[in-house]
Amino acid sequence: MEPMTTVSEVINQLRKDGYTIDFNLDSKINPDEFVVDKHYRFEGATDPDDEAVVYAISSLNHDLKGILVNGYGINSNPVADEMIKSLKEREL
């Protein structure tokens, strides 16, 4: 499999893997019930607006999997930043 090089490629693959909820849509989740399974960071080689992190998030107690996309640096969303800070990374 070739490496995924764009945000849209990662999102499409995560959707195929069952991550169908869009956590960017004003979602309010209990951080104790969710973990970050994976994250993918994209750096804008020529444009800082292309910098983003895609998070694959799942529930520990429910059958829920979704995606959160956030910029970083000056382009990050403070609400998404707080959500991610409160979640645990899944231990492998």
PDB file of N, CA and C in Angstrom:
ATOM      1  N   MET A   1       0.849  -1.180   0.000  1.00  0.00           N
ATOM      2  CA  MET A   1       0.000   0.000   0.000  1.00  0.00           C
ATOM      3  C   MET A   1       0.895   1.244   0.000  1.00  0.00           C
ATOM      4  N   GLU A   2       0.576   2.193  -0.853  1.00  0.00           N
ATOM      5  CA  GLU A   2       1.333   3.438  -0.911  1.00  0.00           C
ATOM      6  C   GLU A   2       0.969   4.314   0.277  1.00  0.00           C
ATOM      7  N   PRO A   3       1.929   5.100   0.762  1.00  0.00           N
ATOM      8  CA  PRO A   3       1.609   5.994   1.885  1.00  0.00           C
ATOM      9  C   PRO A   3       0.590   7.053   1.470  1.00  0.00           C
ATOM     10  N   MET A   4      -0.260   7.407   2.408  1.00  0.00           N
ATOM     11  CA  MET A   4      -1.259   8.442   2.150  1.00  0.00           C
ATOM     12  C   MET A   4      -0.593   9.793   2.369  1.00  0.00           C
ATOM     13  N   THR A   5      -0.761  10.691   1.404  1.00  0.00           N
ATOM     14  CA  THR A   5      -0.039  11.956   1.467  1.00  0.00           C
ATOM     15  C   THR A   5      -0.936  13.171   1.614  1.00  0.00           C
ATOM     16  N   THR A   6      -2.254  12.982   1.594  1.00  0.00           N
ATOM     17  CA  THR A   6      -3.152  14.128   1.741  1.00  0.00           C
ATOM     18  C   THR A   6      -4.178  13.854   2.833  1.00  0.00           C
ATOM     19  N   VAL A   7      -4.733  14.930   3.356  1.00  0.00           N
ATOM     20  CA  VAL A   7      -5.779  14.820   4.377  1.00  0.00           C
ATOM     21  C   VAL A   7      -6.956  14.027   3.830  1.00  0.00           C
ATOM     22  N   SER A   8      -7.369  14.308   2.604  1.00  0.00           N
ATOM     23  CA  SER A   8      -8.541  13.619   2.044  1.00  0.00           C
ATOM     24  C   SER A   8      -8.284  12.123   1.871  1.00  0.00           C
ATOM     25  N   GLU A   9      -7.060  11.715   1.524  1.00  0.00           N
ATOM     26  CA  GLU A   9      -6.750  10.286   1.419  1.00  0.00           C
ATOM     27  C   GLU A   9      -6.891   9.604   2.777  1.00  0.00           C
ATOM     28  N   VAL A  10      -6.377  10.241   3.814  1.00  0.00           N
ATOM     29  CA  VAL A  10      -6.465   9.667   5.160  1.00  0.00           C
ATOM     30  C   VAL A  10      -7.919   9.576   5.599  1.00  0.00           C
ATOM     31  N   ILE A  11      -8.687  10.643   5.393  1.00  0.00           N
ATOM     32  CA  ILE A  11     -10.099  10.632   5.788  1.00  0.00           C
ATOM     33  C   ILE A  11     -10.849   9.535   5.052  1.00  0.00           C
ATOM     34  N   ASN A  12     -10.618   9.392   3.754  1.00  0.00           N
ATOM     35  CA  ASN A  12     -11.298   8.341   2.988  1.00  0.00           C
ATOM     36  C   ASN A  12     -10.944   6.958   3.510  1.00  0.00           C
ATOM     37  N   GLN A  13      -9.671   6.717   3.832  1.00  0.00           N
ATOM     38  CA  GLN A  13      -9.274   5.416   4.364  1.00  0.00           C
ATOM     39  C   GLN A  13      -9.878   5.177   5.744  1.00  0.00           C
ATOM     40  N   LEU A  14      -9.868   6.193   6.600  1.00  0.00           N
ATOM     41  CA  LEU A  14     -10.462   6.029   7.930  1.00  0.00           C
ATOM     42  C   LEU A  14     -11.953   5.732   7.831  1.00  0.00           C
ATOM     43  N   ARG A  15     -12.648   6.368   6.904  1.00  0.00           N
ATOM     44  CA  ARG A  15     -14.078   6.076   6.718  1.00  0.00           C
ATOM     45  C   ARG A  15     -14.272   4.620   6.314  1.00  0.00           C
ATOM     46  N   LYS A  16     -13.414   4.111   5.426  1.00  0.00           N
ATOM     47  CA  LYS A  16     -13.488   2.697   5.042  1.00  0.00           C
ATOM     48  C   LYS A  16     -13.241   1.797   6.248  1.00  0.00           C
ATOM     49  N   ASP A  17     -12.428   2.276   7.187  1.00  0.00           N
ATOM     50  CA  ASP A  17     -12.109   1.515   8.397  1.00  0.00           C
ATOM     51  C   ASP A  17     -13.161   1.680   9.492  1.00  0.00           C
ATOM     52  N   GLY A  18     -14.255   2.391   9.182  1.00  0.00           N
ATOM     53  CA  GLY A  18     -15.357   2.512  10.133  1.00  0.00           C
ATOM     54  C   GLY A  18     -15.405   3.793  10.933  1.00  0.00           C
ATOM     55  N   TYR A  19     -14.504   4.725  10.696  1.00  0.00           N
ATOM     56  CA  TYR A  19     -14.512   6.012  11.402  1.00  0.00           C
ATOM     57  C   TYR A  19     -15.446   6.958  10.649  1.00  0.00           C
ATOM     58  N   THR A  20     -16.721   6.905  10.977  1.00  0.00           N
ATOM     59  CA  THR A  20     -17.727   7.609  10.174  1.00  0.00           C
ATOM     60  C   THR A  20     -18.287   8.871  10.824  1.00  0.00           C
ATOM     61  N   ILE A  21     -18.077   9.060  12.105  1.00  0.00           N
ATOM     62  CA  ILE A  21     -18.621  10.242  12.788  1.00  0.00           C
ATOM     63  C   ILE A  21     -17.670  11.417  12.584  1.00  0.00           C
ATOM     64  N   ASP A  22     -18.223  12.581  12.303  1.00  0.00           N
ATOM     65  CA  ASP A  22     -17.425  13.800  12.157  1.00  0.00           C
ATOM     66  C   ASP A  22     -17.450  14.543  13.485  1.00  0.00           C
ATOM     67  N   PHE A  23     -16.371  14.425  14.256  1.00  0.00           N
ATOM     68  CA  PHE A  23     -16.309  15.076  15.561  1.00  0.00           C
ATOM     69  C   PHE A  23     -16.059  16.577  15.461  1.00  0.00           C
ATOM     70  N   ASN A  24     -15.880  17.099  14.242  1.00  0.00           N
ATOM     71  CA  ASN A  24     -15.732  18.540  14.058  1.00  0.00           C
ATOM     72  C   ASN A  24     -17.075  19.259  14.106  1.00  0.00           C
ATOM     73  N   LEU A  25     -18.162  18.553  14.054  1.00  0.00           N
ATOM     74  CA  LEU A  25     -19.491  19.160  13.993  1.00  0.00           C
ATOM     75  C   LEU A  25     -20.066  19.374  15.382  1.00  0.00           C
ATOM     76  N   ASP A  26     -19.478  20.266  16.149  1.00  0.00           N
ATOM     77  CA  ASP A  26     -19.968  20.639  17.478  1.00  0.00           C
ATOM     78  C   ASP A  26     -20.228  19.441  18.376  1.00  0.00           C
ATOM     79  N   SER A  27     -19.429  18.409  18.246  1.00  0.00           N
ATOM     80  CA  SER A  27     -19.612  17.230  19.083  1.00  0.00           C
ATOM     81  C   SER A  27     -19.148  17.507  20.500  1.00  0.00           C
ATOM     82  N   LYS A  28     -19.918  17.018  21.446  1.00  0.00           N
ATOM     83  CA  LYS A  28     -19.523  17.077  22.848  1.00  0.00           C
ATOM     84  C   LYS A  28     -19.407  15.638  23.317  1.00  0.00           C
ATOM     85  N   ILE A  29     -18.190  15.266  23.698  1.00  0.00           N
ATOM     86  CA  ILE A  29     -17.960  13.890  24.108  1.00  0.00           C
ATOM     87  C   ILE A  29     -17.356  13.875  25.498  1.00  0.00           C
ATOM     88  N   ASN A  30     -17.593  12.778  26.191  1.00  0.00           N
ATOM     89  CA  ASN A  30     -16.986  12.567  27.497  1.00  0.00           C
ATOM     90  C   ASN A  30     -15.592  11.985  27.260  1.00  0.00           C
ATOM     91  N   PRO A  31     -14.534  12.718  27.588  1.00  0.00           N
ATOM     92  CA  PRO A  31     -13.185  12.243  27.277  1.00  0.00           C
ATOM     93  C   PRO A  31     -12.816  10.928  27.949  1.00  0.00           C
ATOM     94  N   ASP A  32     -13.490  10.571  29.031  1.00  0.00           N
ATOM     95  CA  ASP A  32     -13.199   9.303  29.692  1.00  0.00           C
ATOM     96  C   ASP A  32     -13.670   8.111  28.873  1.00  0.00           C
ATOM     97  N   GLU A  33     -14.534   8.343  27.890  1.00  0.00           N
ATOM     98  CA  GLU A  33     -15.101   7.254  27.100  1.00  0.00           C
ATOM     99  C   GLU A  33     -14.497   7.132  25.707  1.00  0.00           C
ATOM    100  N   PHE A  34     -13.515   7.988  25.369  1.00  0.00           N
ATOM    101  CA  PHE A  34     -12.937   7.975  24.030  1.00  0.00           C
ATOM    102  C   PHE A  34     -11.419   7.987  24.099  1.00  0.00           C
ATOM    103  N   VAL A  35     -10.799   7.439  23.053  1.00  0.00           N
ATOM    104  CA  VAL A  35      -9.343   7.463  22.925  1.00  0.00           C
ATOM    105  C   VAL A  35      -8.972   7.852  21.498  1.00  0.00           C
ATOM    106  N   VAL A  36      -7.757   8.350  21.354  1.00  0.00           N
ATOM    107  CA  VAL A  36      -7.203   8.612  20.029  1.00  0.00           C
ATOM    108  C   VAL A  36      -6.499   7.330  19.591  1.00  0.00           C
ATOM    109  N   ASP A  37      -7.019   6.699  18.543  1.00  0.00           N
ATOM    110  CA  ASP A  37      -6.415   5.468  18.032  1.00  0.00           C
ATOM    111  C   ASP A  37      -5.168   5.756  17.199  1.00  0.00           C
ATOM    112  N   LYS A  38      -5.268   6.777  16.363  1.00  0.00           N
ATOM    113  CA  LYS A  38      -4.169   7.140  15.464  1.00  0.00           C
ATOM    114  C   LYS A  38      -4.248   8.632  15.211  1.00  0.00           C
ATOM    115  N   HIS A  39      -3.146   9.201  14.798  1.00  0.00           N
ATOM    116  CA  HIS A  39      -3.187  10.573  14.306  1.00  0.00           C
ATOM    117  C   HIS A  39      -2.196  10.715  13.153  1.00  0.00           C
ATOM    118  N   TYR A  40      -2.527  11.600  12.243  1.00  0.00           N
ATOM    119  CA  TYR A  40      -1.732  11.843  11.041  1.00  0.00           C
ATOM    120  C   TYR A  40      -1.486  13.339  10.953  1.00  0.00           C
ATOM    121  N   ARG A  41      -0.231  13.713  10.845  1.00  0.00           N
ATOM    122  CA  ARG A  41       0.112  15.137  10.800  1.00  0.00           C
ATOM    123  C   ARG A  41       0.578  15.500   9.390  1.00  0.00           C
ATOM    124  N   PHE A  42       0.040  16.597   8.881  1.00  0.00           N
ATOM    125  CA  PHE A  42       0.395  17.078   7.551  1.00  0.00           C
ATOM    126  C   PHE A  42       0.991  18.466   7.672  1.00  0.00           C
ATOM    127  N   GLU A  43       2.168  18.631   7.110  1.00  0.00           N
ATOM    128  CA  GLU A  43       2.838  19.924   7.155  1.00  0.00           C
ATOM    129  C   GLU A  43       2.743  20.564   5.784  1.00  0.00           C
ATOM    130  N   GLY A  44       2.343  21.826   5.763  1.00  0.00           N
ATOM    131  CA  GLY A  44       2.239  22.553   4.505  1.00  0.00           C
ATOM    132  C   GLY A  44       3.618  22.946   4.018  1.00  0.00           C
ATOM    133  N   ALA A  45       4.082  22.289   2.967  1.00  0.00           N
ATOM    134  CA  ALA A  45       5.427  22.554   2.459  1.00  0.00           C
ATOM    135  C   ALA A  45       5.574  23.993   1.979  1.00  0.00           C
ATOM    136  N   THR A  46       4.535  24.514   1.364  1.00  0.00           N
ATOM    137  CA  THR A  46       4.618  25.884   0.846  1.00  0.00           C
ATOM    138  C   THR A  46       3.575  26.809   1.439  1.00  0.00           C
ATOM    139  N   ASP A  47       2.549  26.241   2.069  1.00  0.00           N
ATOM    140  CA  ASP A  47       1.448  27.063   2.577  1.00  0.00           C
ATOM    141  C   ASP A  47       1.089  26.611   3.989  1.00  0.00           C
ATOM    142  N   PRO A  48       1.290  27.464   5.000  1.00  0.00           N
ATOM    143  CA  PRO A  48       0.941  27.088   6.378  1.00  0.00           C
ATOM    144  C   PRO A  48      -0.535  26.733   6.553  1.00  0.00           C
ATOM    145  N   ASP A  49      -1.406  27.204   5.657  1.00  0.00           N
ATOM    146  CA  ASP A  49      -2.824  26.850   5.752  1.00  0.00           C
ATOM    147  C   ASP A  49      -3.068  25.374   5.461  1.00  0.00           C
ATOM    148  N   ASP A  50      -2.078  24.679   4.890  1.00  0.00           N
ATOM    149  CA  ASP A  50      -2.211  23.253   4.605  1.00  0.00           C
ATOM    150  C   ASP A  50      -1.813  22.381   5.789  1.00  0.00           C
ATOM    151  N   GLU A  51      -1.392  22.979   6.898  1.00  0.00           N
ATOM    152  CA  GLU A  51      -0.982  22.210   8.064  1.00  0.00           C
ATOM    153  C   GLU A  51      -2.209  21.724   8.823  1.00  0.00           C
ATOM    154  N   ALA A  52      -2.265  20.416   9.071  1.00  0.00           N
ATOM    155  CA  ALA A  52      -3.420  19.847   9.763  1.00  0.00           C
ATOM    156  C   ALA A  52      -3.020  18.551  10.456  1.00  0.00           C
ATOM    157  N   VAL A  53      -3.831  18.176  11.429  1.00  0.00           N
ATOM    158  CA  VAL A  53      -3.706  16.883  12.085  1.00  0.00           C
ATOM    159  C   VAL A  53      -5.064  16.200  11.980  1.00  0.00           C
ATOM    160  N   VAL A  54      -5.061  14.943  11.539  1.00  0.00           N
ATOM    161  CA  VAL A  54      -6.277  14.138  11.455  1.00  0.00           C
ATOM    162  C   VAL A  54      -6.204  13.115  12.583  1.00  0.00           C
ATOM    163  N   TYR A  55      -7.238  13.093  13.429  1.00  0.00           N
ATOM    164  CA  TYR A  55      -7.300  12.167  14.559  1.00  0.00           C
ATOM    165  C   TYR A  55      -8.374  11.116  14.310  1.00  0.00           C
ATOM    166  N   ALA A  56      -8.030   9.845  14.499  1.00  0.00           N
ATOM    167  CA  ALA A  56      -8.993   8.746  14.486  1.00  0.00           C
ATOM    168  C   ALA A  56      -9.348   8.474  15.944  1.00  0.00           C
ATOM    169  N   ILE A  57     -10.620   8.673  16.290  1.00  0.00           N
ATOM    170  CA  ILE A  57     -11.075   8.602  17.682  1.00  0.00           C
ATOM    171  C   ILE A  57     -12.123   7.503  17.806  1.00  0.00           C
ATOM    172  N   SER A  58     -12.044   6.727  18.887  1.00  0.00           N
ATOM    173  CA  SER A  58     -13.063   5.703  19.121  1.00  0.00           C
ATOM    174  C   SER A  58     -13.480   5.700  20.586  1.00  0.00           C
ATOM    175  N   SER A  59     -14.641   5.107  20.819  1.00  0.00           N
ATOM    176  CA  SER A  59     -15.185   5.013  22.166  1.00  0.00           C
ATOM    177  C   SER A  59     -14.719   3.726  22.826  1.00  0.00           C
ATOM    178  N   LEU A  60     -14.410   3.820  24.102  1.00  0.00           N
ATOM    179  CA  LEU A  60     -14.063   2.631  24.872  1.00  0.00           C
ATOM    180  C   LEU A  60     -15.301   1.832  25.256  1.00  0.00           C
ATOM    181  N   ASN A  61     -16.431   2.522  25.435  1.00  0.00           N
ATOM    182  CA  ASN A  61     -17.638   1.886  25.958  1.00  0.00           C
ATOM    183  C   ASN A  61     -18.763   1.743  24.946  1.00  0.00           C
ATOM    184  N   HIS A  62     -18.650   2.400  23.822  1.00  0.00           N
ATOM    185  CA  HIS A  62     -19.720   2.394  22.825  1.00  0.00           C
ATOM    186  C   HIS A  62     -19.121   2.001  21.481  1.00  0.00           C
ATOM    187  N   ASP A  63     -19.961   1.633  20.570  1.00  0.00           N
ATOM    188  CA  ASP A  63     -19.502   1.254  19.236  1.00  0.00           C
ATOM    189  C   ASP A  63     -19.481   2.494  18.351  1.00  0.00           C
ATOM    190  N   LEU A  64     -18.579   3.443  18.672  1.00  0.00           N
ATOM    191  CA  LEU A  64     -18.492   4.700  17.934  1.00  0.00           C
ATOM    192  C   LEU A  64     -17.055   4.940  17.498  1.00  0.00           C
ATOM    193  N   LYS A  65     -16.910   5.323  16.231  1.00  0.00           N
ATOM    194  CA  LYS A  65     -15.595   5.682  15.701  1.00  0.00           C
ATOM    195  C   LYS A  65     -15.769   6.913  14.827  1.00  0.00           C
ATOM    196  N   GLY A  66     -14.853   7.859  14.965  1.00  0.00           N
ATOM    197  CA  GLY A  66     -14.979   9.067  14.172  1.00  0.00           C
ATOM    198  C   GLY A  66     -13.653   9.760  13.942  1.00  0.00           C
ATOM    199  N   ILE A  67     -13.767  10.911  13.276  1.00  0.00           N
ATOM    200  CA  ILE A  67     -12.605  11.668  12.834  1.00  0.00           C
ATOM    201  C   ILE A  67     -12.713  13.099  13.338  1.00  0.00           C
ATOM    202  N   LEU A  68     -11.581  13.634  13.756  1.00  0.00           N
ATOM    203  CA  LEU A  68     -11.475  15.055  14.093  1.00  0.00           C
ATOM    204  C   LEU A  68     -10.290  15.602  13.315  1.00  0.00           C
ATOM    205  N   VAL A  69     -10.516  16.673  12.567  1.00  0.00           N
ATOM    206  CA  VAL A  69      -9.446  17.331  11.822  1.00  0.00           C
ATOM    207  C   VAL A  69      -9.216  18.692  12.462  1.00  0.00           C
ATOM    208  N   ASN A  70      -7.965  18.993  12.735  1.00  0.00           N
ATOM    209  CA  ASN A  70      -7.629  20.271  13.350  1.00  0.00           C
ATOM    210  C   ASN A  70      -6.360  20.810  12.704  1.00  0.00           C
ATOM    211  N   GLY A  71      -6.311  22.106  12.543  1.00  0.00           N
ATOM    212  CA  GLY A  71      -5.075  22.743  12.115  1.00  0.00           C
ATOM    213  C   GLY A  71      -4.116  22.747  13.289  1.00  0.00           C
ATOM    214  N   TYR A  72      -2.911  23.230  13.070  1.00  0.00           N
ATOM    215  CA  TYR A  72      -2.043  23.428  14.225  1.00  0.00           C
ATOM    216  C   TYR A  72      -1.308  24.736  14.070  1.00  0.00           C
ATOM    217  N   GLY A  73      -0.739  25.149  15.191  1.00  0.00           N
ATOM    218  CA  GLY A  73      -0.143  26.479  15.201  1.00  0.00           C
ATOM    219  C   GLY A  73      -1.234  27.532  15.232  1.00  0.00           C
ATOM    220  N   ILE A  74      -1.063  28.576  14.450  1.00  0.00           N
ATOM    221  CA  ILE A  74      -2.047  29.663  14.453  1.00  0.00           C
ATOM    222  C   ILE A  74      -3.371  29.250  13.826  1.00  0.00           C
ATOM    223  N   ASN A  75      -3.389  28.126  13.110  1.00  0.00           N
ATOM    224  CA  ASN A  75      -4.614  27.673  12.451  1.00  0.00           C
ATOM    225  C   ASN A  75      -5.404  26.658  13.265  1.00  0.00           C
ATOM    226  N   SER A  76      -4.990  26.384  14.489  1.00  0.00           N
ATOM    227  CA  SER A  76      -5.705  25.381  15.277  1.00  0.00           C
ATOM    228  C   SER A  76      -6.988  25.957  15.859  1.00  0.00           C
ATOM    229  N   ASN A  77      -7.935  25.059  16.082  1.00  0.00           N
ATOM    230  CA  ASN A  77      -9.218  25.414  16.680  1.00  0.00           C
ATOM    231  C   ASN A  77      -9.097  25.195  18.188  1.00  0.00           C
ATOM    232  N   PRO A  78      -9.278  26.241  19.008  1.00  0.00           N
ATOM    233  CA  PRO A  78      -9.106  26.089  20.462  1.00  0.00           C
ATOM    234  C   PRO A  78     -10.025  25.030  21.078  1.00  0.00           C
ATOM    235  N   VAL A  79     -11.239  24.885  20.566  1.00  0.00           N
ATOM    236  CA  VAL A  79     -12.167  23.876  21.100  1.00  0.00           C
ATOM    237  C   VAL A  79     -11.639  22.478  20.787  1.00  0.00           C
ATOM    238  N   ALA A  80     -11.193  22.272  19.559  1.00  0.00           N
ATOM    239  CA  ALA A  80     -10.634  20.972  19.183  1.00  0.00           C
ATOM    240  C   ALA A  80      -9.349  20.695  19.960  1.00  0.00           C
ATOM    241  N   ASP A  81      -8.531  21.727  20.176  1.00  0.00           N
ATOM    242  CA  ASP A  81      -7.310  21.557  20.975  1.00  0.00           C
ATOM    243  C   ASP A  81      -7.638  21.028  22.366  1.00  0.00           C
ATOM    244  N   GLU A  82      -8.629  21.621  23.006  1.00  0.00           N
ATOM    245  CA  GLU A  82      -9.016  21.194  24.359  1.00  0.00           C
ATOM    246  C   GLU A  82      -9.560  19.768  24.349  1.00  0.00           C
ATOM    247  N   MET A  83     -10.345  19.420  23.311  1.00  0.00           N
ATOM    248  CA  MET A  83     -10.887  18.068  23.220  1.00  0.00           C
ATOM    249  C   MET A  83      -9.747  17.056  23.117  1.00  0.00           C
ATOM    250  N   ILE A  84      -8.796  17.313  22.249  1.00  0.00           N
ATOM    251  CA  ILE A  84      -7.685  16.383  22.052  1.00  0.00           C
ATOM    252  C   ILE A  84      -6.827  16.278  23.310  1.00  0.00           C
ATOM    253  N   LYS A  85      -6.580  17.387  23.988  1.00  0.00           N
ATOM    254  CA  LYS A  85      -5.785  17.358  25.223  1.00  0.00           C
ATOM    255  C   LYS A  85      -6.427  16.475  26.282  1.00  0.00           C
ATOM    256  N   SER A  86      -7.752  16.408  26.281  1.00  0.00           N
ATOM    257  CA  SER A  86      -8.443  15.644  27.314  1.00  0.00           C
ATOM    258  C   SER A  86      -8.551  14.156  26.977  1.00  0.00           C
ATOM    259  N   LEU A  87      -8.246  13.777  25.741  1.00  0.00           N
ATOM    260  CA  LEU A  87      -8.328  12.372  25.343  1.00  0.00           C
ATOM    261  C   LEU A  87      -6.995  11.671  25.561  1.00  0.00           C
ATOM    262  N   LYS A  88      -7.065  10.371  25.772  1.00  0.00           N
ATOM    263  CA  LYS A  88      -5.867   9.558  25.920  1.00  0.00           C
ATOM    264  C   LYS A  88      -5.519   8.948  24.569  1.00  0.00           C
ATOM    265  N   GLU A  89      -4.223   8.719  24.358  1.00  0.00           N
ATOM    266  CA  GLU A  89      -3.785   7.960  23.190  1.00  0.00           C
ATOM    267  C   GLU A  89      -3.995   6.480  23.505  1.00  0.00           C
ATOM    268  N   ARG A  90      -4.460   5.725  22.511  1.00  0.00           N
ATOM    269  CA  ARG A  90      -4.613   4.282  22.709  1.00  0.00           C
ATOM    270  C   ARG A  90      -3.223   3.673  22.872  1.00  0.00           C
ATOM    271  N   GLU A  91      -3.075   2.846  23.883  1.00  0.00           N
ATOM    272  CA  GLU A  91      -1.800   2.170  24.110  1.00  0.00           C
ATOM    273  C   GLU A  91      -1.734   0.944  23.229  1.00  0.00           C
ATOM    274  N   LEU A  92      -0.632   0.810  22.533  1.00  0.00           N
ATOM    275  CA  LEU A  92      -0.463  -0.336  21.629  1.00  0.00           C
ATOM    276  C   LEU A  92       0.168  -1.500  22.327  1.00  0.00           C
TER     277      LEU A  92
END
